[in-house]
Amino acid sequence: MARRLDVTGAGGVRLAAWDYTALTGEGEDPKAPRPPAPRPAPTSAARLADGLPVPAATRPTPVTPAPSASPSAQGVLLLHGLMGHAAHWAPAVRRLTGRHRVVALDQRGHGHSRKPAAGPFTREAYVADAAAAVEQLGLGPVTLVGHSMGALTAWQLAAERPDLVRALVICDMRASALGAASQRAWQDWFRGWPAPFPSLDAVRRWFGEDDPWVERPNPARGAFFAEVMAEHPDGWRPVFDPAQMLTSRETWVHDAHWESLAQVRCPTLVVRGLDGELGRAEAQEMVRVLPHGAYAEIPDAGHLLHYEHPEAWSEAVEPFLNGVLTP
């Protein structure tokens, strides 16, 4: 089980981080069941949504990691995407070698981290939160592994604070502007959710099959969203506030991010799924723009590449991690 670590983010926002180092020890079966996700217990959903402490009886039990990584192990910080949470990395994390200290962050507005009603949910706040996690947890110089929005946060931090970042992995995030039409589509998508859902099976079915954005049945997508739902008296709702997610997204969709990408000086791996949101041509242009860029592609994977295909993802990423983290 992952061990919870507390971080104070920008503006004093309380953030939850999860040390997965114990799950990457030598001799552990990589196909063993994943650890319980650090999700809210049903009776604590309202408290979690408000950013209030969850009663001890309903919190994930802290477990001290086994000494699977040496004291000199290099730090790896995992940053999930919009609407995700730290436990979405669990299937892939179990396959990372014990030579790395692996920590995943619940970003503000997500998971067990605070969801301040007034925000801010700016790019600056997300980047500052990630920097705070690196510094307070003693991970630097760190390798940042980010998915989607988390990847943008990772490369913006690498560009602004090269002293904190050793290497970078970008998973399925575009550098080009998505535009106002994309934001309107997301607004309409959120309005179309049949929430509250009567059961978690209904959540899995809608996001995996019935959602108009699903081209073909995708059980992994349904499972992904079921992990970020909590039970309320009227049914199952997301632990995040959709309005806050739209606010977070608003801060990046209208602008291109090539300039900050070009400022990243550390070794960087750009990973895409063959059916993901990052096209091959754009991914390869990102690699060209990066001073020390490399490219990897995962067949049969979509946007949730590390969640849908953790073994293939680890096979693509681990050689890079071993190369940049080996003393």
C-alpha atoms as a PDB file:
ATOM      1  CA  MET A   1       0.000   0.000   0.000  1.00  0.00           C
ATOM      2  CA  ALA A   2       1.248   3.509  -0.731  1.00  0.00           C
ATOM      3  CA  ARG A   3       2.278   5.717   2.187  1.00  0.00           C
ATOM      4  CA  ARG A   4       0.652   9.148   2.376  1.00  0.00           C
ATOM      5  CA  LEU A   5       2.886  12.213   2.548  1.00  0.00           C
ATOM      6  CA  ASP A   6       1.547  15.716   3.166  1.00  0.00           C
ATOM      7  CA  VAL A   7       2.731  18.696   1.123  1.00  0.00           C
ATOM      8  CA  THR A   8       1.949  22.385   1.502  1.00  0.00           C
ATOM      9  CA  GLY A   9       1.374  23.776  -1.961  1.00  0.00           C
ATOM     10  CA  ALA A  10       1.191  27.322  -3.301  1.00  0.00           C
ATOM     11  CA  GLY A  11      -0.866  29.638  -1.120  1.00  0.00           C
ATOM     12  CA  GLY A  12      -0.880  27.086   1.701  1.00  0.00           C
ATOM     13  CA  VAL A  13      -3.117  24.592  -0.136  1.00  0.00           C
ATOM     14  CA  ARG A  14      -2.870  21.128   1.444  1.00  0.00           C
ATOM     15  CA  LEU A  15      -1.773  18.458  -1.013  1.00  0.00           C
ATOM     16  CA  ALA A  16      -1.542  14.681  -0.659  1.00  0.00           C
ATOM     17  CA  ALA A  17       1.382  12.756  -2.123  1.00  0.00           C
ATOM     18  CA  TRP A  18       1.791   8.989  -2.145  1.00  0.00           C
ATOM     19  CA  ASP A  19       5.099   7.164  -1.777  1.00  0.00           C
ATOM     20  CA  TYR A  20       4.946   4.038  -3.922  1.00  0.00           C
ATOM     21  CA  THR A  21       8.556   3.047  -3.330  1.00  0.00           C
ATOM     22  CA  ALA A  22       7.544  -0.019  -1.316  1.00  0.00           C
ATOM     23  CA  LEU A  23       5.678  -1.342  -4.359  1.00  0.00           C
ATOM     24  CA  THR A  24       8.754  -1.425  -6.581  1.00  0.00           C
ATOM     25  CA  GLY A  25      10.959  -3.723  -4.540  1.00  0.00           C
ATOM     26  CA  GLU A  26      12.885  -6.600  -5.995  1.00  0.00           C
ATOM     27  CA  GLY A  27      11.101  -9.927  -5.869  1.00  0.00           C
ATOM     28  CA  GLU A  28       7.615  -8.472  -5.947  1.00  0.00           C
ATOM     29  CA  ASP A  29       5.266  -9.986  -8.468  1.00  0.00           C
ATOM     30  CA  PRO A  30       4.522  -7.256 -11.052  1.00  0.00           C
ATOM     31  CA  LYS A  31       1.204  -8.959 -11.819  1.00  0.00           C
ATOM     32  CA  ALA A  32       0.053  -8.903  -8.198  1.00  0.00           C
ATOM     33  CA  PRO A  33      -3.155  -6.960  -7.498  1.00  0.00           C
ATOM     34  CA  ARG A  34      -2.687  -3.218  -7.447  1.00  0.00           C
ATOM     35  CA  PRO A  35      -2.861  -1.426  -4.092  1.00  0.00           C
ATOM     36  CA  PRO A  36      -6.124   0.145  -3.000  1.00  0.00           C
ATOM     37  CA  ALA A  37      -6.499   3.543  -4.625  1.00  0.00           C
ATOM     38  CA  PRO A  38      -6.254   6.547  -2.303  1.00  0.00           C
ATOM     39  CA  ARG A  39      -9.868   7.458  -2.965  1.00  0.00           C
ATOM     40  CA  PRO A  40     -12.410   8.828  -0.510  1.00  0.00           C
ATOM     41  CA  ALA A  41     -14.571   6.469   1.470  1.00  0.00           C
ATOM     42  CA  PRO A  42     -18.253   6.877   0.604  1.00  0.00           C
ATOM     43  CA  THR A  43     -19.179   8.382   3.951  1.00  0.00           C
ATOM     44  CA  SER A  44     -16.429  11.011   3.642  1.00  0.00           C
ATOM     45  CA  ALA A  45     -17.182  12.214   0.129  1.00  0.00           C
ATOM     46  CA  ALA A  46     -18.612  15.561   1.142  1.00  0.00           C
ATOM     47  CA  ARG A  47     -15.712  16.296   3.499  1.00  0.00           C
ATOM     48  CA  LEU A  48     -13.167  15.414   0.827  1.00  0.00           C
ATOM     49  CA  ALA A  49     -14.921  17.535  -1.799  1.00  0.00           C
ATOM     50  CA  ASP A  50     -14.715  20.502   0.573  1.00  0.00           C
ATOM     51  CA  GLY A  51     -11.052  19.896   1.258  1.00  0.00           C
ATOM     52  CA  LEU A  52     -11.733  19.004   4.901  1.00  0.00           C
ATOM     53  CA  PRO A  53      -9.861  16.282   6.798  1.00  0.00           C
ATOM     54  CA  VAL A  54     -11.261  12.795   6.337  1.00  0.00           C
ATOM     55  CA  PRO A  55     -11.961  10.976   9.623  1.00  0.00           C
ATOM     56  CA  ALA A  56      -9.147   8.632  10.553  1.00  0.00           C
ATOM     57  CA  ALA A  57     -11.381   5.601  10.319  1.00  0.00           C
ATOM     58  CA  THR A  58     -11.972   6.257   6.635  1.00  0.00           C
ATOM     59  CA  ARG A  59      -8.466   7.317   5.601  1.00  0.00           C
ATOM     60  CA  PRO A  60      -6.172   4.946   3.710  1.00  0.00           C
ATOM     61  CA  THR A  61      -3.945   3.255   6.270  1.00  0.00           C
ATOM     62  CA  PRO A  62      -0.424   4.705   6.113  1.00  0.00           C
ATOM     63  CA  VAL A  63       2.148   1.988   5.568  1.00  0.00           C
ATOM     64  CA  THR A  64       5.859   2.484   5.931  1.00  0.00           C
ATOM     65  CA  PRO A  65       7.566   1.436   2.705  1.00  0.00           C
ATOM     66  CA  ALA A  66       9.817  -1.581   2.696  1.00  0.00           C
ATOM     67  CA  PRO A  67      13.470  -0.688   2.100  1.00  0.00           C
ATOM     68  CA  SER A  68      13.209  -1.484  -1.599  1.00  0.00           C
ATOM     69  CA  ALA A  69      15.149   1.555  -2.740  1.00  0.00           C
ATOM     70  CA  SER A  70      18.505   2.580  -1.354  1.00  0.00           C
ATOM     71  CA  PRO A  71      18.826   5.851   0.569  1.00  0.00           C
ATOM     72  CA  SER A  72      20.573   7.274  -2.488  1.00  0.00           C
ATOM     73  CA  ALA A  73      17.742   6.283  -4.854  1.00  0.00           C
ATOM     74  CA  GLN A  74      16.873   8.983  -7.358  1.00  0.00           C
ATOM     75  CA  GLY A  75      13.468  10.618  -7.008  1.00  0.00           C
ATOM     76  CA  VAL A  76      10.629  10.219  -9.507  1.00  0.00           C
ATOM     77  CA  LEU A  77       7.511  12.405  -9.189  1.00  0.00           C
ATOM     78  CA  LEU A  78       4.385  11.306 -11.061  1.00  0.00           C
ATOM     79  CA  LEU A  79       1.819  13.942 -12.085  1.00  0.00           C
ATOM     80  CA  HIS A  80      -1.602  12.729 -13.233  1.00  0.00           C
ATOM     81  CA  GLY A  81      -3.793  14.428 -15.802  1.00  0.00           C
ATOM     82  CA  LEU A  82      -7.004  16.450 -15.511  1.00  0.00           C
ATOM     83  CA  MET A  83      -9.684  14.600 -13.476  1.00  0.00           C
ATOM     84  CA  GLY A  84      -7.167  11.920 -12.484  1.00  0.00           C
ATOM     85  CA  HIS A  85      -5.532  11.098  -9.181  1.00  0.00           C
ATOM     86  CA  ALA A  86      -2.290   9.616  -7.937  1.00  0.00           C
ATOM     87  CA  ALA A  87      -3.571   6.034  -7.743  1.00  0.00           C
ATOM     88  CA  HIS A  88      -4.116   5.957 -11.512  1.00  0.00           C
ATOM     89  CA  TRP A  89      -0.349   5.401 -11.733  1.00  0.00           C
ATOM     90  CA  ALA A  90      -0.476   2.286  -9.540  1.00  0.00           C
ATOM     91  CA  PRO A  91      -0.614  -0.365 -12.329  1.00  0.00           C
ATOM     92  CA  ALA A  92       2.457   1.135 -14.008  1.00  0.00           C
ATOM     93  CA  VAL A  93       4.315   2.047 -10.807  1.00  0.00           C
ATOM     94  CA  ARG A  94       4.506  -1.570  -9.689  1.00  0.00           C
ATOM     95  CA  ARG A  95       6.713  -2.255 -12.681  1.00  0.00           C
ATOM     96  CA  LEU A  96       9.315   0.424 -12.012  1.00  0.00           C
ATOM     97  CA  THR A  97      12.561  -0.874 -10.587  1.00  0.00           C
ATOM     98  CA  GLY A  98      13.487  -0.561  -6.935  1.00  0.00           C
ATOM     99  CA  ARG A  99      16.345   1.766  -7.741  1.00  0.00           C
ATOM    100  CA  HIS A 100      13.971   4.744  -7.861  1.00  0.00           C
ATOM    101  CA  ARG A 101      12.045   6.511  -5.113  1.00  0.00           C
ATOM    102  CA  VAL A 102       8.603   6.849  -6.706  1.00  0.00           C
ATOM    103  CA  VAL A 103       6.102   9.426  -5.425  1.00  0.00           C
ATOM    104  CA  ALA A 104       2.764  10.393  -6.998  1.00  0.00           C
ATOM    105  CA  LEU A 105       1.037  13.701  -6.269  1.00  0.00           C
ATOM    106  CA  ASP A 106      -2.682  14.363  -6.037  1.00  0.00           C
ATOM    107  CA  GLN A 107      -2.741  17.789  -7.654  1.00  0.00           C
ATOM    108  CA  ARG A 108      -4.922  20.570  -6.255  1.00  0.00           C
ATOM    109  CA  GLY A 109      -8.592  19.982  -6.966  1.00  0.00           C
ATOM    110  CA  HIS A 110      -7.996  16.228  -7.357  1.00  0.00           C
ATOM    111  CA  GLY A 111      -7.925  13.093  -5.247  1.00  0.00           C
ATOM    112  CA  HIS A 112      -7.219  13.710  -1.564  1.00  0.00           C
ATOM    113  CA  SER A 113      -5.727  17.167  -2.098  1.00  0.00           C
ATOM    114  CA  ARG A 114      -7.557  20.358  -1.166  1.00  0.00           C
ATOM    115  CA  LYS A 115     -10.176  21.730  -3.531  1.00  0.00           C
ATOM    116  CA  PRO A 116     -10.281  25.422  -2.613  1.00  0.00           C
ATOM    117  CA  ALA A 117     -13.516  26.992  -3.785  1.00  0.00           C
ATOM    118  CA  ALA A 118     -11.726  30.188  -4.798  1.00  0.00           C
ATOM    119  CA  GLY A 119      -8.803  28.426  -6.440  1.00  0.00           C
ATOM    120  CA  PRO A 120      -6.528  29.450  -7.905  1.00  0.00           C
ATOM    121  CA  PHE A 121      -6.346  26.794 -10.613  1.00  0.00           C
ATOM    122  CA  THR A 122      -3.777  28.566 -12.745  1.00  0.00           C
ATOM    123  CA  ARG A 123      -0.741  27.181 -14.525  1.00  0.00           C
ATOM    124  CA  GLU A 124       1.413  29.049 -12.034  1.00  0.00           C
ATOM    125  CA  ALA A 125      -0.319  27.371  -9.091  1.00  0.00           C
ATOM    126  CA  TYR A 126       0.035  23.858 -10.509  1.00  0.00           C
ATOM    127  CA  VAL A 127       3.713  24.402 -11.299  1.00  0.00           C
ATOM    128  CA  ALA A 128       4.380  25.906  -7.864  1.00  0.00           C
ATOM    129  CA  ASP A 129       2.648  22.937  -6.214  1.00  0.00           C
ATOM    130  CA  ALA A 130       4.874  20.487  -8.081  1.00  0.00           C
ATOM    131  CA  ALA A 131       7.970  22.466  -7.108  1.00  0.00           C
ATOM    132  CA  ALA A 132       6.825  22.414  -3.480  1.00  0.00           C
ATOM    133  CA  ALA A 133       6.429  18.639  -3.603  1.00  0.00           C
ATOM    134  CA  VAL A 134       9.938  18.182  -4.995  1.00  0.00           C
ATOM    135  CA  GLU A 135      11.481  20.442  -2.382  1.00  0.00           C
ATOM    136  CA  GLN A 136       9.510  19.366   0.680  1.00  0.00           C
ATOM    137  CA  LEU A 137       9.861  15.644  -0.047  1.00  0.00           C
ATOM    138  CA  GLY A 138      13.558  15.894  -0.874  1.00  0.00           C
ATOM    139  CA  LEU A 139      13.160  14.459  -4.375  1.00  0.00           C
ATOM    140  CA  GLY A 140      15.363  16.866  -6.304  1.00  0.00           C
ATOM    141  CA  PRO A 141      16.890  16.813  -8.723  1.00  0.00           C
ATOM    142  CA  VAL A 142      13.852  14.800  -9.739  1.00  0.00           C
ATOM    143  CA  THR A 143      12.654  12.953 -12.806  1.00  0.00           C
ATOM    144  CA  LEU A 144       9.164  14.246 -13.582  1.00  0.00           C
ATOM    145  CA  VAL A 145       6.718  11.871 -15.265  1.00  0.00           C
ATOM    146  CA  GLY A 146       3.546  13.630 -16.339  1.00  0.00           C
ATOM    147  CA  HIS A 147       0.402  12.562 -18.144  1.00  0.00           C
ATOM    148  CA  SER A 148      -1.709  15.049 -20.122  1.00  0.00           C
ATOM    149  CA  MET A 149      -2.155  18.173 -17.976  1.00  0.00           C
ATOM    150  CA  GLY A 150       0.424  16.756 -15.565  1.00  0.00           C
ATOM    151  CA  ALA A 151       2.915  16.555 -18.424  1.00  0.00           C
ATOM    152  CA  LEU A 152       2.437  20.239 -19.201  1.00  0.00           C
ATOM    153  CA  THR A 153       2.995  21.053 -15.525  1.00  0.00           C
ATOM    154  CA  ALA A 154       6.111  18.899 -15.581  1.00  0.00           C
ATOM    155  CA  TRP A 155       7.723  20.560 -18.578  1.00  0.00           C
ATOM    156  CA  GLN A 156       6.826  24.052 -17.385  1.00  0.00           C
ATOM    157  CA  LEU A 157       8.508  23.274 -14.069  1.00  0.00           C
ATOM    158  CA  ALA A 158      11.534  21.854 -15.889  1.00  0.00           C
ATOM    159  CA  ALA A 159      11.753  25.043 -17.958  1.00  0.00           C
ATOM    160  CA  GLU A 160      11.394  27.379 -14.962  1.00  0.00           C
ATOM    161  CA  ARG A 161      13.400  25.450 -12.359  1.00  0.00           C
ATOM    162  CA  PRO A 162      16.105  23.424 -14.107  1.00  0.00           C
ATOM    163  CA  ASP A 163      17.853  23.095 -10.738  1.00  0.00           C
ATOM    164  CA  LEU A 164      15.027  20.862  -9.515  1.00  0.00           C
ATOM    165  CA  VAL A 165      14.658  18.570 -12.536  1.00  0.00           C
ATOM    166  CA  ARG A 166      17.023  15.852 -13.722  1.00  0.00           C
ATOM    167  CA  ALA A 167      14.874  14.384 -16.511  1.00  0.00           C
ATOM    168  CA  LEU A 168      11.346  14.462 -17.896  1.00  0.00           C
ATOM    169  CA  VAL A 169       8.775  12.068 -19.374  1.00  0.00           C
ATOM    170  CA  ILE A 170       5.868  13.610 -21.302  1.00  0.00           C
ATOM    171  CA  CYS A 171       2.897  11.273 -21.784  1.00  0.00           C
ATOM    172  CA  ASP A 172       0.339  12.205 -24.447  1.00  0.00           C
ATOM    173  CA  MET A 173       0.231  15.999 -24.071  1.00  0.00           C
ATOM    174  CA  ARG A 174       0.168  18.406 -26.984  1.00  0.00           C
ATOM    175  CA  ALA A 175       2.253  21.568 -27.249  1.00  0.00           C
ATOM    176  CA  SER A 176      -0.106  23.202 -29.744  1.00  0.00           C
ATOM    177  CA  ALA A 177      -3.133  25.296 -28.796  1.00  0.00           C
ATOM    178  CA  LEU A 178      -6.433  23.402 -28.673  1.00  0.00           C
ATOM    179  CA  GLY A 179      -8.597  26.516 -29.002  1.00  0.00           C
ATOM    180  CA  ALA A 180     -11.940  27.835 -27.794  1.00  0.00           C
ATOM    181  CA  ALA A 181     -13.934  25.176 -29.651  1.00  0.00           C
ATOM    182  CA  SER A 182     -12.221  22.498 -27.592  1.00  0.00           C
ATOM    183  CA  GLN A 183     -13.171  24.232 -24.348  1.00  0.00           C
ATOM    184  CA  ARG A 184     -16.800  24.564 -25.453  1.00  0.00           C
ATOM    185  CA  ALA A 185     -16.863  20.862 -26.322  1.00  0.00           C
ATOM    186  CA  TRP A 186     -15.688  20.024 -22.816  1.00  0.00           C
ATOM    187  CA  GLN A 187     -18.347  22.252 -21.282  1.00  0.00           C
ATOM    188  CA  ASP A 188     -21.008  20.432 -23.289  1.00  0.00           C
ATOM    189  CA  TRP A 189     -19.488  17.081 -22.356  1.00  0.00           C
ATOM    190  CA  PHE A 190     -19.676  17.782 -18.631  1.00  0.00           C
ATOM    191  CA  ARG A 191     -23.292  18.934 -18.994  1.00  0.00           C
ATOM    192  CA  GLY A 192     -24.095  15.641 -20.694  1.00  0.00           C
ATOM    193  CA  TRP A 193     -22.964  13.446 -17.805  1.00  0.00           C
ATOM    194  CA  PRO A 194     -25.945  11.549 -16.332  1.00  0.00           C
ATOM    195  CA  ALA A 195     -24.755  12.323 -12.800  1.00  0.00           C
ATOM    196  CA  PRO A 196     -25.439  11.323 -10.148  1.00  0.00           C
ATOM    197  CA  PHE A 197     -24.845   7.760 -11.267  1.00  0.00           C
ATOM    198  CA  PRO A 198     -26.925   5.082  -9.522  1.00  0.00           C
ATOM    199  CA  SER A 199     -23.944   2.732  -9.088  1.00  0.00           C
ATOM    200  CA  LEU A 200     -20.295   2.274  -9.942  1.00  0.00           C
ATOM    201  CA  ASP A 201     -21.361  -0.218 -12.604  1.00  0.00           C
ATOM    202  CA  ALA A 202     -23.361   2.605 -14.181  1.00  0.00           C
ATOM    203  CA  VAL A 203     -20.242   4.791 -14.074  1.00  0.00           C
ATOM    204  CA  ARG A 204     -18.165   2.115 -15.796  1.00  0.00           C
ATOM    205  CA  ARG A 205     -20.842   1.487 -18.395  1.00  0.00           C
ATOM    206  CA  TRP A 206     -21.361   5.158 -19.270  1.00  0.00           C
ATOM    207  CA  PHE A 207     -17.704   6.146 -19.527  1.00  0.00           C
ATOM    208  CA  GLY A 208     -16.688   2.854 -21.098  1.00  0.00           C
ATOM    209  CA  GLU A 209     -19.548   2.406 -23.567  1.00  0.00           C
ATOM    210  CA  ASP A 210     -22.363   4.979 -23.621  1.00  0.00           C
ATOM    211  CA  ASP A 211     -20.407   8.256 -23.553  1.00  0.00           C
ATOM    212  CA  PRO A 212     -20.703   9.860 -27.034  1.00  0.00           C
ATOM    213  CA  TRP A 213     -16.946  10.451 -26.943  1.00  0.00           C
ATOM    214  CA  VAL A 214     -16.290   6.678 -26.840  1.00  0.00           C
ATOM    215  CA  GLU A 215     -15.776   5.348 -30.356  1.00  0.00           C
ATOM    216  CA  ARG A 216     -15.722   1.696 -29.263  1.00  0.00           C
ATOM    217  CA  PRO A 217     -16.162  -0.049 -25.885  1.00  0.00           C
ATOM    218  CA  ASN A 218     -13.301   0.831 -23.580  1.00  0.00           C
ATOM    219  CA  PRO A 219     -13.524  -0.912 -20.169  1.00  0.00           C
ATOM    220  CA  ALA A 220     -10.274   0.715 -19.003  1.00  0.00           C
ATOM    221  CA  ARG A 221     -11.792   4.164 -19.487  1.00  0.00           C
ATOM    222  CA  GLY A 222     -14.827   3.141 -17.470  1.00  0.00           C
ATOM    223  CA  ALA A 223     -12.586   1.836 -14.686  1.00  0.00           C
ATOM    224  CA  PHE A 224     -10.510   5.035 -14.779  1.00  0.00           C
ATOM    225  CA  PHE A 225     -13.561   7.195 -14.042  1.00  0.00           C
ATOM    226  CA  ALA A 226     -15.004   4.769 -11.486  1.00  0.00           C
ATOM    227  CA  GLU A 227     -11.865   5.378  -9.416  1.00  0.00           C
ATOM    228  CA  VAL A 228     -12.642   9.089  -9.064  1.00  0.00           C
ATOM    229  CA  MET A 229     -16.258   8.749  -7.952  1.00  0.00           C
ATOM    230  CA  ALA A 230     -17.610   8.957  -4.409  1.00  0.00           C
ATOM    231  CA  GLU A 231     -21.015   8.002  -3.066  1.00  0.00           C
ATOM    232  CA  HIS A 232     -23.467  10.696  -2.001  1.00  0.00           C
ATOM    233  CA  PRO A 233     -27.043  10.313  -0.721  1.00  0.00           C
ATOM    234  CA  ASP A 234     -28.380  10.721  -4.262  1.00  0.00           C
ATOM    235  CA  GLY A 235     -25.796   8.542  -6.026  1.00  0.00           C
ATOM    236  CA  TRP A 236     -22.196   8.569  -7.272  1.00  0.00           C
ATOM    237  CA  ARG A 237     -20.518  11.835  -8.238  1.00  0.00           C
ATOM    238  CA  PRO A 238     -16.924  12.788  -9.090  1.00  0.00           C
ATOM    239  CA  VAL A 239     -14.633  13.720  -6.214  1.00  0.00           C
ATOM    240  CA  PHE A 240     -13.603  16.761  -8.257  1.00  0.00           C
ATOM    241  CA  ASP A 241     -15.691  19.779  -9.193  1.00  0.00           C
ATOM    242  CA  PRO A 242     -16.267  19.836 -12.975  1.00  0.00           C
ATOM    243  CA  ALA A 243     -16.318  23.649 -12.883  1.00  0.00           C
ATOM    244  CA  GLN A 244     -12.853  23.630 -11.347  1.00  0.00           C
ATOM    245  CA  MET A 245     -11.674  21.227 -14.025  1.00  0.00           C
ATOM    246  CA  LEU A 246     -12.906  23.602 -16.718  1.00  0.00           C
ATOM    247  CA  THR A 247     -11.179  26.499 -14.964  1.00  0.00           C
ATOM    248  CA  SER A 248      -7.934  24.505 -14.850  1.00  0.00           C
ATOM    249  CA  ARG A 249      -8.224  23.635 -18.522  1.00  0.00           C
ATOM    250  CA  GLU A 250      -9.039  27.215 -19.490  1.00  0.00           C
ATOM    251  CA  THR A 251      -5.519  28.213 -18.458  1.00  0.00           C
ATOM    252  CA  TRP A 252      -3.804  26.182 -21.162  1.00  0.00           C
ATOM    253  CA  VAL A 253      -6.101  25.400 -24.088  1.00  0.00           C
ATOM    254  CA  HIS A 254      -5.957  28.802 -25.756  1.00  0.00           C
ATOM    255  CA  ASP A 255      -2.160  29.011 -25.952  1.00  0.00           C
ATOM    256  CA  ALA A 256       0.593  27.016 -27.578  1.00  0.00           C
ATOM    257  CA  HIS A 257       3.427  25.833 -25.340  1.00  0.00           C
ATOM    258  CA  TRP A 258       6.309  25.399 -27.761  1.00  0.00           C
ATOM    259  CA  GLU A 259       8.353  28.178 -26.194  1.00  0.00           C
ATOM    260  CA  SER A 260       8.415  26.622 -22.735  1.00  0.00           C
ATOM    261  CA  LEU A 261       9.098  23.209 -24.274  1.00  0.00           C
ATOM    262  CA  ALA A 262      12.171  24.577 -26.031  1.00  0.00           C
ATOM    263  CA  GLN A 263      13.461  25.870 -22.691  1.00  0.00           C
ATOM    264  CA  VAL A 264      13.623  22.360 -21.216  1.00  0.00           C
ATOM    265  CA  ARG A 265      17.312  21.445 -21.077  1.00  0.00           C
ATOM    266  CA  CYS A 266      17.182  18.056 -19.381  1.00  0.00           C
ATOM    267  CA  PRO A 267      16.809  14.677 -21.168  1.00  0.00           C
ATOM    268  CA  THR A 268      13.162  14.266 -22.147  1.00  0.00           C
ATOM    269  CA  LEU A 269      11.136  11.325 -23.428  1.00  0.00           C
ATOM    270  CA  VAL A 270       7.924  12.034 -25.350  1.00  0.00           C
ATOM    271  CA  VAL A 271       5.550   9.051 -25.193  1.00  0.00           C
ATOM    272  CA  ARG A 272       2.325   8.711 -27.120  1.00  0.00           C
ATOM    273  CA  GLY A 273      -0.318   6.058 -27.625  1.00  0.00           C
ATOM    274  CA  LEU A 274      -1.021   5.143 -31.209  1.00  0.00           C
ATOM    275  CA  ASP A 275      -4.672   6.138 -30.687  1.00  0.00           C
ATOM    276  CA  GLY A 276      -3.994   8.946 -28.215  1.00  0.00           C
ATOM    277  CA  GLU A 277      -4.599  12.669 -28.460  1.00  0.00           C
ATOM    278  CA  LEU A 278      -1.007  13.522 -29.379  1.00  0.00           C
ATOM    279  CA  GLY A 279      -0.459  12.860 -33.063  1.00  0.00           C
ATOM    280  CA  ARG A 280       2.760  11.337 -34.347  1.00  0.00           C
ATOM    281  CA  ALA A 281       3.792  14.368 -36.381  1.00  0.00           C
ATOM    282  CA  GLU A 282       3.332  16.741 -33.460  1.00  0.00           C
ATOM    283  CA  ALA A 283       5.086  14.360 -31.063  1.00  0.00           C
ATOM    284  CA  GLN A 284       8.078  14.118 -33.367  1.00  0.00           C
ATOM    285  CA  GLU A 285       8.151  17.906 -33.734  1.00  0.00           C
ATOM    286  CA  MET A 286       8.172  18.161 -29.935  1.00  0.00           C
ATOM    287  CA  VAL A 287      11.179  15.846 -29.863  1.00  0.00           C
ATOM    288  CA  ARG A 288      12.885  18.023 -32.471  1.00  0.00           C
ATOM    289  CA  VAL A 289      12.222  21.200 -30.470  1.00  0.00           C
ATOM    290  CA  LEU A 290      13.525  19.687 -27.248  1.00  0.00           C
ATOM    291  CA  PRO A 291      17.302  20.102 -26.898  1.00  0.00           C
ATOM    292  CA  HIS A 292      17.613  16.509 -25.606  1.00  0.00           C
ATOM    293  CA  GLY A 293      14.447  14.797 -26.786  1.00  0.00           C
ATOM    294  CA  ALA A 294      13.623  11.139 -27.411  1.00  0.00           C
ATOM    295  CA  TYR A 295      10.491   9.439 -28.700  1.00  0.00           C
ATOM    296  CA  ALA A 296       8.481   6.331 -27.806  1.00  0.00           C
ATOM    297  CA  GLU A 297       5.180   5.022 -29.108  1.00  0.00           C
ATOM    298  CA  ILE A 298       2.864   2.418 -27.566  1.00  0.00           C
ATOM    299  CA  PRO A 299       0.749   0.432 -30.043  1.00  0.00           C
ATOM    300  CA  ASP A 300      -2.930  -0.132 -29.227  1.00  0.00           C
ATOM    301  CA  ALA A 301      -2.854   2.524 -26.493  1.00  0.00           C
ATOM    302  CA  GLY A 302      -5.087   5.570 -26.310  1.00  0.00           C
ATOM    303  CA  HIS A 303      -4.847   8.682 -24.179  1.00  0.00           C
ATOM    304  CA  LEU A 304      -4.744   6.693 -20.906  1.00  0.00           C
ATOM    305  CA  LEU A 305      -1.661   4.829 -22.074  1.00  0.00           C
ATOM    306  CA  HIS A 306      -0.061   4.139 -18.676  1.00  0.00           C
ATOM    307  CA  TYR A 307      -3.397   3.005 -17.225  1.00  0.00           C
ATOM    308  CA  GLU A 308      -4.607   0.905 -20.155  1.00  0.00           C
ATOM    309  CA  HIS A 309      -1.267  -0.727 -20.985  1.00  0.00           C
ATOM    310  CA  PRO A 310       0.997  -0.502 -17.919  1.00  0.00           C
ATOM    311  CA  GLU A 311       3.374  -3.232 -19.067  1.00  0.00           C
ATOM    312  CA  ALA A 312       3.918  -1.697 -22.503  1.00  0.00           C
ATOM    313  CA  TRP A 313       4.234   1.734 -20.904  1.00  0.00           C
ATOM    314  CA  SER A 314       6.884   0.529 -18.486  1.00  0.00           C
ATOM    315  CA  GLU A 315       8.783  -1.194 -21.301  1.00  0.00           C
ATOM    316  CA  ALA A 316       8.871   2.130 -23.150  1.00  0.00           C
ATOM    317  CA  VAL A 317       9.751   4.301 -20.155  1.00  0.00           C
ATOM    318  CA  GLU A 318      11.957   2.184 -17.915  1.00  0.00           C
ATOM    319  CA  PRO A 319      15.032   2.081 -20.177  1.00  0.00           C
ATOM    320  CA  PHE A 320      14.946   5.884 -20.286  1.00  0.00           C
ATOM    321  CA  LEU A 321      14.554   6.118 -16.502  1.00  0.00           C
ATOM    322  CA  ASN A 322      17.362   3.686 -15.915  1.00  0.00           C
ATOM    323  CA  GLY A 323      19.591   5.594 -18.290  1.00  0.00           C
ATOM    324  CA  VAL A 324      19.068   8.992 -16.694  1.00  0.00           C
ATOM    325  CA  LEU A 325      18.894   7.799 -13.082  1.00  0.00           C
ATOM    326  CA  THR A 326      21.831   5.404 -12.999  1.00  0.00           C
ATOM    327  CA  PRO A 327      24.633   7.067 -11.042  1.00  0.00           C
END
